[in-house]
Amino acid sequence: MSPTTLPAGLEHGHVTFLGAGPGDPGLLTLRAVEALANADVVVGEHDVLDVVRAHTRAGVAWMSTDPDPSTGTYPGVGTPQLTVVDSESTTVGVPALRDVTHLVMEAVRGGKRVVRAVPGDPGLDAHAAEEMLACAAEGVPFEVVPGVATAVGVPAYAGVPLRDAQGVDVRFVDARTASDRCWTEVGASDGTVVVSTTLDSVAAAAGELVAAGRKPDTPLTVTVAGTTTRQRTWSATLGSIAQTLKQAKVLPSPEGGRPVIAVVGERSAAAQRDQLSWFENKPLFGWKVLVPRTKEQAASLSDQLRSYGAVPHEVPTIAVEPPRTPQQMERAVKGLVTGRYEWIAFTSVNAVKAVREKFEEYGLDARAFAGIKVAAVGEQTARALVEFGVKPDLVPSGEQSAAGLLEDWPPYDPVFDPIDRVFLPRADIATETLVAGLIELGWEVDDVTAYRTVRASPPPAETREAIKGGGFDAVLFTSSSTVRNLVGIAGKPHNVTVIACIGPATAKTAEEHGLRVDVMAPEPSVHKLAEALADFGLKRRATALAAGDPVTRPSERRPGARRRRTT
């Protein structure tokens, strides 16, 4: 039996020492996700807890091992501050100063399943072994779930191979604890050296290697915030790295204590990194993109943006509420069961959601659609139906809109269609285009308000300031209403922000609100809109590189700089 699936109630509980990897939540192993899903308590630093949080169940207790801000001491070095946090991340009780080993032992009492999450891999963590020995001494069962080591994962994301076909040696050094003998050994070798250090200590580590025998012109790469969308890498040599960081205005800086991974050796040569830097070369790498949609609709779009390297920020601009008078909807759903309709047409994900919720209210499921033809506008709507267990019979072959659906909709034929009625669940503000077109084709239409759309509440003040102040690199508008509602609840995006619109009507509304449209989707699809923004980012990067300019994000441009409209 897997230790992560042990039955609850063991007298001494169970501890999983889990490697959370270097920072990208996507690098968590399947075993790690399994352990997190079964955890009662998760212990770790705040940054590590953020990596694993999405894979835990509701009600899990969080224990932070971050250093005491008043003393600056860290786990295993001093006495870390223990903060117990519930599932809503609010502090419970008064923080107490404890040793991390005692913290873990306390958490495991009463049969708790405890996950002790550490950065990178537990086998390379300086203090995990001590905590494991404490568990062994107390008879507490534990397991170790390996993770992607930071010293290995970060160079991979930076496009820096550590070995080649010649089988060069690779040495790993922690500059904070390295002895003179260690520096002498790695300095005398010609292999690749991976140094874990801090931003303001890189030059000192480079100096140690030069003093130990490495040539000053040995290539060096330095990566900060590796495997995250904040990642940044500098290429230099052992002799020039201090000047490189100074010219890049990285140092001096209050954030000089940030951890970095430095790779020293021929394998980190800049010419190779230019070809192998797959992560930082993503088309929207590091772009903060505003997604003004309902949260349900934004999920898949945000996932696509992340695949391009962007950091999506979802701001609901439309709230969906039940109709004021539900009786019409109730009669229509009952009519589905009694055979009143030949067709049902869904024009949005929200329409699918509204019908599904009404079905569940009556104890119905997808089987109630038996014998009824189903139409859907758009891939998102069709996907929502499939998730419900219904495969659409008709999806527009051309334009994904009401007009596109009408082009493919068959006219009513009394010989082949025993029933002449269509059920159209829609929003309260929907246009009459589809209804008029269906009537013209000979169908009777029950045009039913399935849900209401209302303007959402304003986002937090910080988000509003970022929108108006140029804190976002791009904003995606997926309808005219998202333009009107975003401007209404948060203000007009800054002129350096790239404006992307799903179609001509949305673009026209944006321009009416004083916005300059930079990107337009080739067809009315949220995924095509994201692709178009990614293409814009690629062209922007290529233009900067061709001109010999640094690649920057739109939000990094000088405030007030004029933007060219692209076609």
Protein backbone atom coordinates (compact mmCIF):
# COMPACT_ATOMS: atom_id res chain seq x y z
CA MET A 1 0.00 0.00 0.00
CA SER A 2 1.30 3.45 -0.88
CA PRO A 3 2.27 5.49 2.20
CA THR A 4 0.22 8.35 0.84
CA THR A 5 -2.92 6.21 0.95
CA LEU A 6 -2.50 4.87 4.48
CA PRO A 7 -5.78 4.91 6.45
CA ALA A 8 -6.28 7.85 8.79
CA GLY A 9 -6.06 7.42 12.52
CA LEU A 10 -2.54 5.97 12.86
CA GLU A 11 -1.37 6.73 16.38
CA HIS A 12 1.83 8.44 15.25
CA GLY A 13 0.58 9.84 11.95
CA HIS A 14 2.69 9.95 8.82
CA VAL A 15 5.11 12.45 7.28
CA THR A 16 5.89 12.92 3.59
CA PHE A 17 9.10 14.83 2.86
CA LEU A 18 8.23 16.31 -0.49
CA GLY A 19 10.37 18.09 -3.05
CA ALA A 20 8.43 21.04 -4.46
CA GLY A 21 10.93 21.69 -7.24
CA PRO A 22 12.55 25.02 -8.17
CA GLY A 23 9.36 27.12 -8.44
CA ASP A 24 7.22 26.05 -11.40
CA PRO A 25 4.16 24.18 -10.01
CA GLY A 26 4.09 22.19 -13.25
CA LEU A 27 7.27 20.40 -12.15
CA LEU A 28 5.58 18.67 -9.21
CA THR A 29 5.62 14.90 -9.67
CA LEU A 30 2.49 12.75 -9.81
CA ARG A 31 3.52 11.25 -6.48
CA ALA A 32 3.77 14.74 -4.98
CA VAL A 33 0.27 15.62 -6.18
CA GLU A 34 -1.06 12.39 -4.65
CA ALA A 35 0.55 13.12 -1.29
CA LEU A 36 -0.73 16.71 -1.25
CA ALA A 37 -4.28 15.59 -2.03
CA ASN A 38 -4.23 13.38 1.09
CA ALA A 39 -2.49 15.81 3.45
CA ASP A 40 -4.04 17.08 6.68
CA VAL A 41 -1.19 19.49 7.36
CA VAL A 42 1.35 21.11 4.99
CA VAL A 43 4.56 22.55 6.42
CA GLY A 44 6.96 24.74 4.45
CA GLU A 45 8.21 28.19 3.55
CA HIS A 46 5.65 30.62 2.11
CA ASP A 47 7.12 30.43 -1.41
CA VAL A 48 6.96 26.63 -1.32
CA LEU A 49 3.42 26.63 0.03
CA ASP A 50 2.36 28.79 -2.92
CA VAL A 51 3.77 26.16 -5.30
CA VAL A 52 1.84 23.25 -3.76
CA ARG A 53 -1.34 25.04 -2.67
CA ALA A 54 -3.44 24.21 -5.73
CA HIS A 55 -3.12 20.46 -5.16
CA THR A 56 -4.37 20.33 -1.55
CA ARG A 57 -7.89 19.64 -0.39
CA ALA A 58 -10.20 22.06 1.38
CA GLY A 59 -9.62 22.30 5.12
CA VAL A 60 -5.91 21.50 5.08
CA ALA A 61 -3.86 23.28 7.76
CA TRP A 62 -0.87 25.37 6.68
CA MET A 63 2.25 25.86 8.80
CA SER A 64 4.83 28.39 7.64
CA THR A 65 8.51 27.95 8.48
CA ASP A 66 9.57 31.36 7.22
CA PRO A 67 12.21 33.15 9.26
CA ASP A 68 11.28 35.42 12.11
CA PRO A 69 11.31 38.92 10.58
CA SER A 70 12.65 40.39 13.82
CA THR A 71 15.73 38.15 13.89
CA GLY A 72 16.15 37.03 10.27
CA THR A 73 16.95 33.50 11.39
CA TYR A 74 16.10 30.52 9.19
CA PRO A 75 15.05 26.90 9.85
CA GLY A 76 17.95 24.87 11.11
CA VAL A 77 20.00 28.00 11.81
CA GLY A 78 17.89 29.78 14.38
CA THR A 79 14.34 29.56 15.63
CA PRO A 80 11.84 30.00 12.78
CA GLN A 81 8.45 31.52 13.28
CA LEU A 82 5.60 29.03 13.22
CA THR A 83 2.36 30.40 11.89
CA VAL A 84 -0.59 28.03 11.74
CA VAL A 85 -2.98 28.95 8.95
CA ASP A 86 -6.37 27.47 8.08
CA SER A 87 -7.80 26.75 4.62
CA GLU A 88 -8.71 30.41 4.17
CA SER A 89 -5.13 31.44 4.96
CA THR A 90 -5.98 33.43 8.08
CA THR A 91 -3.74 33.22 11.10
CA VAL A 92 -5.02 31.00 13.90
CA GLY A 93 -3.89 31.78 17.41
CA VAL A 94 -0.68 33.56 18.31
CA PRO A 95 2.49 32.66 16.37
CA ALA A 96 5.03 30.77 18.43
CA LEU A 97 8.75 30.37 17.90
CA ARG A 98 9.64 26.68 17.56
CA ASP A 99 12.27 24.48 16.00
CA VAL A 100 11.10 23.15 12.63
CA THR A 101 11.74 19.54 13.65
CA HIS A 102 9.52 20.00 16.70
CA LEU A 103 6.96 21.72 14.48
CA VAL A 104 6.75 18.67 12.23
CA MET A 105 6.57 16.28 15.19
CA GLU A 106 3.79 18.35 16.76
CA ALA A 107 1.82 18.44 13.50
CA VAL A 108 1.95 14.66 13.05
CA ARG A 109 0.38 13.87 16.42
CA GLY A 110 -3.13 12.52 16.47
CA GLY A 111 -2.72 10.52 13.29
CA LYS A 112 -2.27 13.50 10.98
CA ARG A 113 -0.88 13.09 7.47
CA VAL A 114 1.79 15.77 7.26
CA VAL A 115 3.53 16.96 4.10
CA ARG A 116 6.84 18.66 4.78
CA ALA A 117 7.45 20.54 1.54
CA VAL A 118 10.96 21.77 0.76
CA PRO A 119 12.37 23.66 -2.25
CA GLY A 120 13.97 21.51 -4.91
CA ASP A 121 14.66 17.97 -3.73
CA PRO A 122 14.61 16.71 -0.09
CA GLY A 123 17.87 14.84 -0.65
CA LEU A 124 19.64 18.13 -1.29
CA ASP A 125 17.93 20.09 1.47
CA ALA A 126 20.33 21.00 4.24
CA HIS A 127 18.00 20.12 7.12
CA ALA A 128 15.51 17.53 5.84
CA ALA A 129 17.72 14.65 7.00
CA GLU A 130 17.61 15.93 10.59
CA GLU A 131 13.82 15.98 10.49
CA MET A 132 13.74 12.45 9.02
CA LEU A 133 15.99 11.20 11.83
CA ALA A 134 13.65 12.78 14.37
CA CYS A 135 10.72 10.90 12.81
CA ALA A 136 12.69 7.65 12.91
CA ALA A 137 13.60 8.19 16.56
CA GLU A 138 9.95 8.70 17.49
CA GLY A 139 8.72 5.76 15.42
CA VAL A 140 6.81 8.04 13.04
CA PRO A 141 6.52 6.48 9.55
CA PHE A 142 7.71 8.72 6.74
CA GLU A 143 8.40 8.66 3.03
CA VAL A 144 10.46 10.80 0.69
CA VAL A 145 9.02 12.13 -2.56
CA PRO A 146 11.90 13.39 -4.71
CA GLY A 147 11.55 16.66 -6.56
CA VAL A 148 13.33 18.41 -9.40
CA ALA A 149 16.53 19.79 -7.88
CA THR A 150 16.85 23.56 -8.22
CA ALA A 151 20.44 23.25 -9.41
CA VAL A 152 19.26 21.02 -12.27
CA GLY A 153 15.85 22.48 -13.10
CA VAL A 154 16.89 26.13 -13.30
CA PRO A 155 19.69 25.62 -15.87
CA ALA A 156 17.27 23.53 -17.97
CA TYR A 157 14.78 26.43 -18.01
CA ALA A 158 17.59 28.89 -18.72
CA GLY A 159 18.70 26.92 -21.80
CA VAL A 160 22.03 25.91 -20.28
CA PRO A 161 22.96 22.22 -20.79
CA LEU A 162 25.17 20.82 -18.05
CA ARG A 163 26.69 17.98 -20.07
CA ASP A 164 27.41 17.12 -23.69
CA ALA A 165 28.45 14.07 -25.71
CA GLN A 166 31.99 14.36 -24.32
CA GLY A 167 30.65 13.61 -20.86
CA VAL A 168 32.05 16.65 -19.06
CA ASP A 169 32.05 16.46 -15.26
CA VAL A 170 29.43 18.45 -13.37
CA ARG A 171 30.10 19.79 -9.88
CA PHE A 172 27.49 21.34 -7.59
CA VAL A 173 28.58 23.96 -5.07
CA ASP A 174 26.64 25.86 -2.41
CA ALA A 175 28.62 29.08 -2.10
CA ARG A 176 27.21 29.76 1.36
CA THR A 177 28.83 26.68 2.88
CA ALA A 178 31.69 25.89 0.44
CA SER A 179 35.11 25.43 2.04
CA ASP A 180 38.45 26.58 0.65
CA ARG A 181 39.15 22.98 -0.34
CA CYS A 182 35.89 22.84 -2.31
CA TRP A 183 36.77 26.01 -4.27
CA THR A 184 40.25 24.67 -4.96
CA GLU A 185 38.90 21.39 -6.33
CA VAL A 186 36.31 22.94 -8.65
CA GLY A 187 38.75 25.63 -9.70
CA ALA A 188 41.29 23.04 -10.75
CA SER A 189 38.77 21.08 -12.86
CA ASP A 190 37.59 21.90 -16.36
CA GLY A 191 34.08 20.60 -15.82
CA THR A 192 30.80 22.48 -15.46
CA VAL A 193 30.23 24.06 -12.04
CA VAL A 194 26.72 24.84 -10.84
CA VAL A 195 26.88 27.36 -8.01
CA SER A 196 23.96 28.09 -5.68
CA THR A 197 24.45 31.58 -4.30
CA THR A 198 22.76 34.97 -4.01
CA LEU A 199 22.63 37.82 -6.49
CA ASP A 200 24.97 40.06 -4.52
CA SER A 201 27.43 37.19 -3.92
CA VAL A 202 27.84 36.07 -7.55
CA ALA A 203 30.91 38.22 -8.13
CA ALA A 204 32.54 36.88 -4.95
CA ALA A 205 31.90 33.29 -6.05
CA ALA A 206 33.35 34.10 -9.49
CA GLY A 207 36.40 35.54 -7.75
CA GLU A 208 36.86 32.36 -5.73
CA LEU A 209 36.88 30.29 -8.92
CA VAL A 210 39.36 32.59 -10.65
CA ALA A 211 41.62 32.54 -7.59
CA ALA A 212 41.45 28.74 -7.63
CA GLY A 213 42.59 28.51 -11.24
CA ARG A 214 39.66 29.13 -13.56
CA LYS A 215 40.35 31.54 -16.41
CA PRO A 216 38.62 34.94 -16.14
CA ASP A 217 37.17 34.49 -19.65
CA THR A 218 35.33 31.27 -18.66
CA PRO A 219 31.65 31.68 -19.69
CA LEU A 220 29.10 32.15 -16.93
CA THR A 221 25.32 32.42 -16.78
CA VAL A 222 23.37 33.69 -13.78
CA THR A 223 19.65 32.97 -13.39
CA VAL A 224 17.32 34.52 -10.83
CA ALA A 225 13.73 33.33 -10.09
CA GLY A 226 14.38 30.26 -12.22
CA THR A 227 11.44 28.28 -13.72
CA THR A 228 8.98 31.11 -12.94
CA THR A 229 7.73 33.86 -15.24
CA ARG A 230 9.96 36.25 -13.28
CA GLN A 231 13.04 34.34 -14.49
CA ARG A 232 15.90 36.41 -15.83
CA THR A 233 19.30 35.23 -17.04
CA TRP A 234 22.52 37.12 -17.70
CA SER A 235 25.43 35.76 -19.75
CA ALA A 236 28.95 36.94 -18.98
CA THR A 237 32.35 35.58 -17.92
CA LEU A 238 33.89 35.04 -14.51
CA GLY A 239 35.82 38.26 -14.96
CA SER A 240 32.97 40.40 -16.27
CA ILE A 241 29.92 39.29 -14.30
CA ALA A 242 30.20 42.11 -11.72
CA GLN A 243 30.24 44.73 -14.46
CA THR A 244 27.43 42.99 -16.38
CA LEU A 245 25.10 43.07 -13.38
CA LYS A 246 26.02 46.69 -12.70
CA GLN A 247 25.35 47.75 -16.30
CA ALA A 248 22.01 45.91 -16.21
CA LYS A 249 21.19 47.97 -13.10
CA VAL A 250 20.58 44.76 -11.18
CA LEU A 251 23.12 45.64 -8.51
CA PRO A 252 23.36 47.31 -6.14
CA SER A 253 19.82 46.48 -5.07
CA PRO A 254 17.83 45.88 -1.88
CA GLU A 255 16.94 42.49 -3.43
CA GLY A 256 20.58 41.44 -3.65
CA GLY A 257 19.90 38.55 -1.28
CA ARG A 258 17.69 36.74 -3.80
CA PRO A 259 18.94 33.21 -4.55
CA VAL A 260 20.42 32.52 -7.98
CA ILE A 261 21.90 29.62 -9.90
CA ALA A 262 25.18 30.33 -11.69
CA VAL A 263 26.53 27.89 -14.28
CA VAL A 264 30.24 28.11 -15.07
CA GLY A 265 31.87 26.39 -18.03
CA GLU A 266 31.85 26.14 -21.80
CA ARG A 267 28.34 24.64 -21.78
CA SER A 268 26.96 27.97 -20.60
CA ALA A 269 28.36 29.91 -23.56
CA ALA A 270 26.07 32.71 -24.71
CA ALA A 271 25.95 31.41 -28.31
CA GLN A 272 24.41 28.16 -27.12
CA ARG A 273 21.96 29.85 -24.76
CA ASP A 274 20.63 32.02 -27.58
CA GLN A 275 19.58 28.82 -29.34
CA LEU A 276 18.47 26.84 -26.29
CA SER A 277 16.70 29.45 -24.17
CA TRP A 278 13.25 27.99 -24.80
CA PHE A 279 11.56 29.34 -21.68
CA GLU A 280 12.52 33.01 -21.70
CA ASN A 281 11.97 33.07 -25.48
CA LYS A 282 8.27 32.24 -25.20
CA PRO A 283 6.26 34.83 -27.15
CA LEU A 284 4.62 36.44 -24.11
CA PHE A 285 7.22 35.58 -21.49
CA GLY A 286 6.57 37.55 -18.32
CA TRP A 287 3.72 39.57 -19.83
CA LYS A 288 1.05 40.44 -17.31
CA VAL A 289 -2.18 39.99 -19.28
CA LEU A 290 -5.55 41.19 -18.07
CA VAL A 291 -8.41 38.79 -18.81
CA PRO A 292 -11.68 40.69 -18.22
CA ARG A 293 -14.21 37.85 -18.28
CA THR A 294 -16.30 35.83 -15.90
CA LYS A 295 -14.04 33.49 -13.93
CA GLU A 296 -15.61 30.35 -15.41
CA GLN A 297 -15.01 31.57 -18.94
CA ALA A 298 -11.46 32.78 -18.21
CA ALA A 299 -10.00 29.45 -17.04
CA SER A 300 -9.11 27.85 -20.38
CA LEU A 301 -7.99 31.18 -21.86
CA SER A 302 -5.68 31.74 -18.89
CA ASP A 303 -4.21 28.26 -19.32
CA GLN A 304 -3.44 29.05 -22.97
CA LEU A 305 -1.82 32.35 -22.03
CA ARG A 306 0.38 30.57 -19.48
CA SER A 307 1.57 28.21 -22.21
CA TYR A 308 2.90 31.32 -24.01
CA GLY A 309 4.76 32.41 -20.87
CA ALA A 310 2.25 35.07 -19.80
CA VAL A 311 0.96 35.78 -16.31
CA PRO A 312 -2.84 36.04 -16.68
CA HIS A 313 -4.78 38.16 -14.21
CA GLU A 314 -8.50 37.42 -14.24
CA VAL A 315 -10.82 40.31 -13.50
CA PRO A 316 -14.53 39.45 -13.69
CA THR A 317 -16.41 42.23 -15.46
CA ILE A 318 -19.69 40.38 -15.85
CA ALA A 319 -21.58 38.58 -13.12
CA VAL A 320 -24.14 35.94 -14.08
CA GLU A 321 -27.35 35.75 -12.07
CA PRO A 322 -30.59 33.72 -12.38
CA PRO A 323 -33.52 35.30 -14.24
CA ARG A 324 -35.86 37.46 -12.16
CA THR A 325 -38.81 35.25 -13.11
CA PRO A 326 -37.73 31.58 -13.27
CA GLN A 327 -41.13 30.18 -14.30
CA GLN A 328 -40.45 30.52 -18.05
CA MET A 329 -37.20 28.57 -17.72
CA GLU A 330 -38.88 25.91 -15.60
CA ARG A 331 -41.64 25.39 -18.21
CA ALA A 332 -39.09 25.11 -21.00
CA VAL A 333 -36.99 22.49 -19.17
CA LYS A 334 -40.11 20.46 -18.50
CA GLY A 335 -40.94 20.79 -22.19
CA LEU A 336 -37.62 19.17 -23.04
CA VAL A 337 -38.63 16.07 -21.12
CA THR A 338 -42.17 15.92 -22.52
CA GLY A 339 -41.11 16.20 -26.17
CA ARG A 340 -42.10 19.80 -26.87
CA TYR A 341 -38.92 20.62 -28.85
CA GLU A 342 -37.11 19.35 -31.95
CA TRP A 343 -34.02 21.49 -31.29
CA ILE A 344 -32.24 23.27 -28.44
CA ALA A 345 -29.65 25.92 -29.33
CA PHE A 346 -26.90 27.00 -26.93
CA THR A 347 -25.12 30.26 -27.75
CA SER A 348 -22.84 30.46 -24.69
CA VAL A 349 -21.23 28.48 -21.90
CA ASN A 350 -23.48 30.31 -19.44
CA ALA A 351 -26.57 29.00 -21.26
CA VAL A 352 -25.26 25.44 -20.87
CA LYS A 353 -24.56 26.10 -17.20
CA ALA A 354 -28.05 27.52 -16.61
CA VAL A 355 -29.80 24.51 -18.19
CA ARG A 356 -27.50 22.07 -16.41
CA GLU A 357 -28.23 23.65 -13.03
CA LYS A 358 -31.96 23.46 -13.70
CA PHE A 359 -31.59 19.81 -14.70
CA GLU A 360 -29.81 19.04 -11.44
CA GLU A 361 -32.54 20.86 -9.54
CA TYR A 362 -35.08 18.43 -11.02
CA GLY A 363 -32.86 15.36 -10.68
CA LEU A 364 -32.30 15.12 -14.45
CA ASP A 365 -29.12 14.41 -16.38
CA ALA A 366 -27.91 14.38 -20.00
CA ARG A 367 -30.24 11.48 -20.85
CA ALA A 368 -33.10 14.00 -20.94
CA PHE A 369 -31.69 15.23 -24.27
CA ALA A 370 -32.51 11.89 -25.93
CA GLY A 371 -34.33 12.50 -29.23
CA ILE A 372 -33.56 16.24 -29.23
CA LYS A 373 -31.14 17.83 -31.70
CA VAL A 374 -28.56 20.08 -30.03
CA ALA A 375 -26.80 23.10 -31.59
CA ALA A 376 -23.89 25.04 -30.14
CA VAL A 377 -22.12 28.27 -31.09
CA GLY A 378 -18.38 28.20 -30.46
CA GLU A 379 -15.85 25.64 -29.32
CA GLN A 380 -16.16 26.65 -25.66
CA THR A 381 -19.90 26.08 -25.69
CA ALA A 382 -19.51 22.75 -27.48
CA ARG A 383 -16.89 21.68 -24.93
CA ALA A 384 -19.21 22.59 -22.04
CA LEU A 385 -21.91 20.40 -23.59
CA VAL A 386 -19.52 17.46 -24.00
CA GLU A 387 -18.54 17.80 -20.34
CA PHE A 388 -22.25 17.62 -19.55
CA GLY A 389 -22.46 14.40 -21.55
CA VAL A 390 -24.10 15.86 -24.66
CA LYS A 391 -22.49 15.81 -28.12
CA PRO A 392 -23.75 18.72 -30.27
CA ASP A 393 -25.45 17.79 -33.55
CA LEU A 394 -24.73 21.16 -35.12
CA VAL A 395 -21.78 23.54 -34.72
CA PRO A 396 -21.24 26.34 -37.26
CA SER A 397 -18.81 25.31 -39.98
CA GLY A 398 -17.82 28.92 -40.59
CA GLU A 399 -18.14 31.98 -38.38
CA GLN A 400 -18.70 30.99 -34.75
CA SER A 401 -21.66 33.30 -34.14
CA ALA A 402 -25.46 33.37 -34.34
CA ALA A 403 -25.15 34.36 -38.00
CA GLY A 404 -22.78 31.44 -38.64
CA LEU A 405 -25.22 29.06 -36.95
CA LEU A 406 -28.08 30.30 -39.12
CA GLU A 407 -26.08 29.63 -42.27
CA ASP A 408 -25.91 25.91 -41.38
CA TRP A 409 -29.34 25.57 -39.73
CA PRO A 410 -31.76 23.47 -41.83
CA PRO A 411 -35.16 24.92 -42.74
CA TYR A 412 -38.19 23.37 -41.12
CA ASP A 413 -39.49 20.41 -43.14
CA PRO A 414 -42.86 19.01 -41.98
CA VAL A 415 -42.00 15.64 -43.57
CA PHE A 416 -38.73 15.09 -41.70
CA ASP A 417 -39.33 17.25 -38.61
CA PRO A 418 -42.19 15.94 -36.45
CA ILE A 419 -41.94 19.00 -34.18
CA ASP A 420 -41.44 22.58 -35.36
CA ARG A 421 -40.25 24.19 -32.13
CA VAL A 422 -36.79 25.33 -30.95
CA PHE A 423 -35.78 26.03 -27.34
CA LEU A 424 -33.34 28.95 -27.15
CA PRO A 425 -31.98 29.57 -23.63
CA ARG A 426 -30.07 32.87 -23.65
CA ALA A 427 -28.98 35.95 -21.74
CA ASP A 428 -31.39 38.75 -20.99
CA ILE A 429 -29.40 41.15 -23.21
CA ALA A 430 -28.99 38.84 -26.22
CA THR A 431 -29.83 40.15 -29.69
CA GLU A 432 -32.80 38.95 -31.71
CA THR A 433 -30.70 37.89 -34.73
CA LEU A 434 -30.96 34.15 -34.10
CA VAL A 435 -34.68 34.24 -33.23
CA ALA A 436 -35.56 36.18 -36.39
CA GLY A 437 -33.44 33.90 -38.55
CA LEU A 438 -34.99 30.72 -37.18
CA ILE A 439 -38.51 32.06 -37.69
CA GLU A 440 -37.59 32.91 -41.27
CA LEU A 441 -36.51 29.28 -41.74
CA GLY A 442 -39.99 28.17 -40.64
CA TRP A 443 -39.34 27.31 -36.99
CA GLU A 444 -41.28 28.34 -33.91
CA VAL A 445 -38.93 29.62 -31.18
CA ASP A 446 -39.30 29.61 -27.40
CA ASP A 447 -36.92 32.48 -26.65
CA VAL A 448 -36.24 32.01 -22.92
CA THR A 449 -34.16 34.15 -20.56
CA ALA A 450 -31.94 31.54 -18.87
CA TYR A 451 -29.67 33.97 -17.03
CA ARG A 452 -29.01 37.65 -16.50
CA THR A 453 -25.71 39.40 -17.02
CA VAL A 454 -24.90 42.29 -14.72
CA ARG A 455 -21.82 44.41 -14.26
CA ALA A 456 -19.43 42.88 -11.72
CA SER A 457 -18.11 44.70 -8.67
CA PRO A 458 -14.96 46.80 -9.13
CA PRO A 459 -11.65 44.94 -8.70
CA PRO A 460 -9.31 45.78 -5.78
CA ALA A 461 -7.70 49.23 -5.76
CA GLU A 462 -4.30 47.74 -6.59
CA THR A 463 -5.69 46.19 -9.78
CA ARG A 464 -7.44 49.41 -10.78
CA GLU A 465 -4.21 51.36 -10.35
CA ALA A 466 -2.31 48.79 -12.44
CA ILE A 467 -4.89 49.08 -15.23
CA LYS A 468 -4.78 52.87 -15.36
CA GLY A 469 -1.06 53.17 -14.61
CA GLY A 470 0.34 50.80 -17.22
CA GLY A 471 0.98 47.85 -14.92
CA PHE A 472 -0.48 45.41 -17.44
CA ASP A 473 1.26 44.50 -20.67
CA ALA A 474 -1.92 43.54 -22.53
CA VAL A 475 -5.67 43.24 -22.11
CA LEU A 476 -7.92 40.82 -24.00
CA PHE A 477 -11.41 42.03 -24.86
CA THR A 478 -13.74 39.20 -25.85
CA SER A 479 -16.90 41.25 -26.39
CA SER A 480 -18.14 44.82 -26.48
CA SER A 481 -19.63 44.36 -23.02
CA THR A 482 -16.23 43.48 -21.55
CA VAL A 483 -14.89 46.77 -22.91
CA ARG A 484 -17.74 48.82 -21.48
CA ASN A 485 -17.78 47.00 -18.16
CA LEU A 486 -14.01 47.08 -17.59
CA VAL A 487 -13.82 50.80 -18.28
CA GLY A 488 -16.87 51.30 -16.09
CA ILE A 489 -15.59 49.40 -13.04
CA ALA A 490 -11.83 49.94 -13.31
CA GLY A 491 -11.03 52.78 -15.72
CA LYS A 492 -9.38 52.95 -19.13
CA PRO A 493 -6.19 50.93 -19.70
CA HIS A 494 -2.96 52.95 -20.01
CA ASN A 495 -1.74 53.84 -23.51
CA VAL A 496 1.29 51.50 -23.27
CA THR A 497 -0.99 48.49 -22.73
CA VAL A 498 -1.49 46.31 -25.81
CA ILE A 499 -5.21 46.10 -26.67
CA ALA A 500 -6.39 42.85 -28.24
CA CYS A 501 -9.98 42.40 -29.47
CA ILE A 502 -11.89 39.32 -30.57
CA GLY A 503 -13.53 40.96 -33.60
CA PRO A 504 -14.49 44.17 -35.45
CA ALA A 505 -17.51 44.98 -33.27
CA THR A 506 -15.45 44.69 -30.08
CA ALA A 507 -12.63 46.72 -31.66
CA LYS A 508 -15.08 49.46 -32.61
CA THR A 509 -16.36 49.66 -29.03
CA ALA A 510 -12.77 49.84 -27.75
CA GLU A 511 -11.98 52.71 -30.13
CA GLU A 512 -15.15 54.50 -29.07
CA HIS A 513 -13.77 54.40 -25.53
CA GLY A 514 -10.50 56.00 -26.66
CA LEU A 515 -8.44 52.80 -26.91
CA ARG A 516 -6.05 52.04 -29.76
CA VAL A 517 -6.48 48.45 -30.93
CA ASP A 518 -3.19 46.63 -31.57
CA VAL A 519 -4.33 43.05 -32.13
CA MET A 520 -7.45 41.51 -33.64
CA ALA A 521 -8.29 37.82 -33.79
CA PRO A 522 -8.51 36.38 -37.33
CA GLU A 523 -11.81 34.77 -36.32
CA PRO A 524 -14.13 35.24 -33.32
CA SER A 525 -12.56 32.68 -30.97
CA VAL A 526 -10.93 33.30 -27.60
CA HIS A 527 -8.18 30.82 -28.48
CA LYS A 528 -7.52 32.55 -31.81
CA LEU A 529 -7.38 35.83 -29.89
CA ALA A 530 -4.70 34.44 -27.57
CA GLU A 531 -2.80 33.09 -30.58
CA ALA A 532 -2.96 36.50 -32.25
CA LEU A 533 -1.53 38.16 -29.13
CA ALA A 534 1.27 35.56 -29.06
CA ASP A 535 2.06 36.31 -32.71
CA PHE A 536 2.17 40.01 -31.84
CA GLY A 537 4.63 39.24 -29.04
CA LEU A 538 6.85 37.19 -31.35
CA LYS A 539 6.98 39.96 -33.95
CA ARG A 540 7.70 42.53 -31.28
CA ARG A 541 10.58 40.42 -29.96
CA ALA A 542 11.99 39.86 -33.46
CA THR A 543 11.85 43.60 -34.21
CA ALA A 544 13.75 44.43 -31.01
CA LEU A 545 16.42 41.81 -31.68
CA ALA A 546 16.85 42.91 -35.30
CA ALA A 547 17.38 46.49 -34.12
CA GLY A 548 19.85 45.39 -31.46
CA ASP A 549 17.54 46.59 -28.71
CA PRO A 550 16.83 44.72 -25.46
CA VAL A 551 13.61 42.69 -25.41
CA THR A 552 11.24 44.40 -23.02
CA ARG A 553 7.60 44.06 -22.07
CA PRO A 554 5.13 46.83 -23.02
CA SER A 555 4.74 47.82 -19.35
CA GLU A 556 8.51 48.45 -19.19
CA ARG A 557 8.33 51.17 -21.83
CA ARG A 558 8.68 54.81 -20.89
CA PRO A 559 5.31 56.13 -19.64
CA GLY A 560 3.61 58.17 -22.32
CA ALA A 561 5.53 56.56 -25.17
CA ARG A 562 3.50 56.40 -28.36
CA ARG A 563 2.51 53.02 -29.73
CA ARG A 564 2.18 52.14 -33.37
CA ARG A 565 -0.95 50.46 -34.53
CA THR A 566 -0.20 47.05 -36.05
CA THR A 567 -2.25 45.33 -38.68
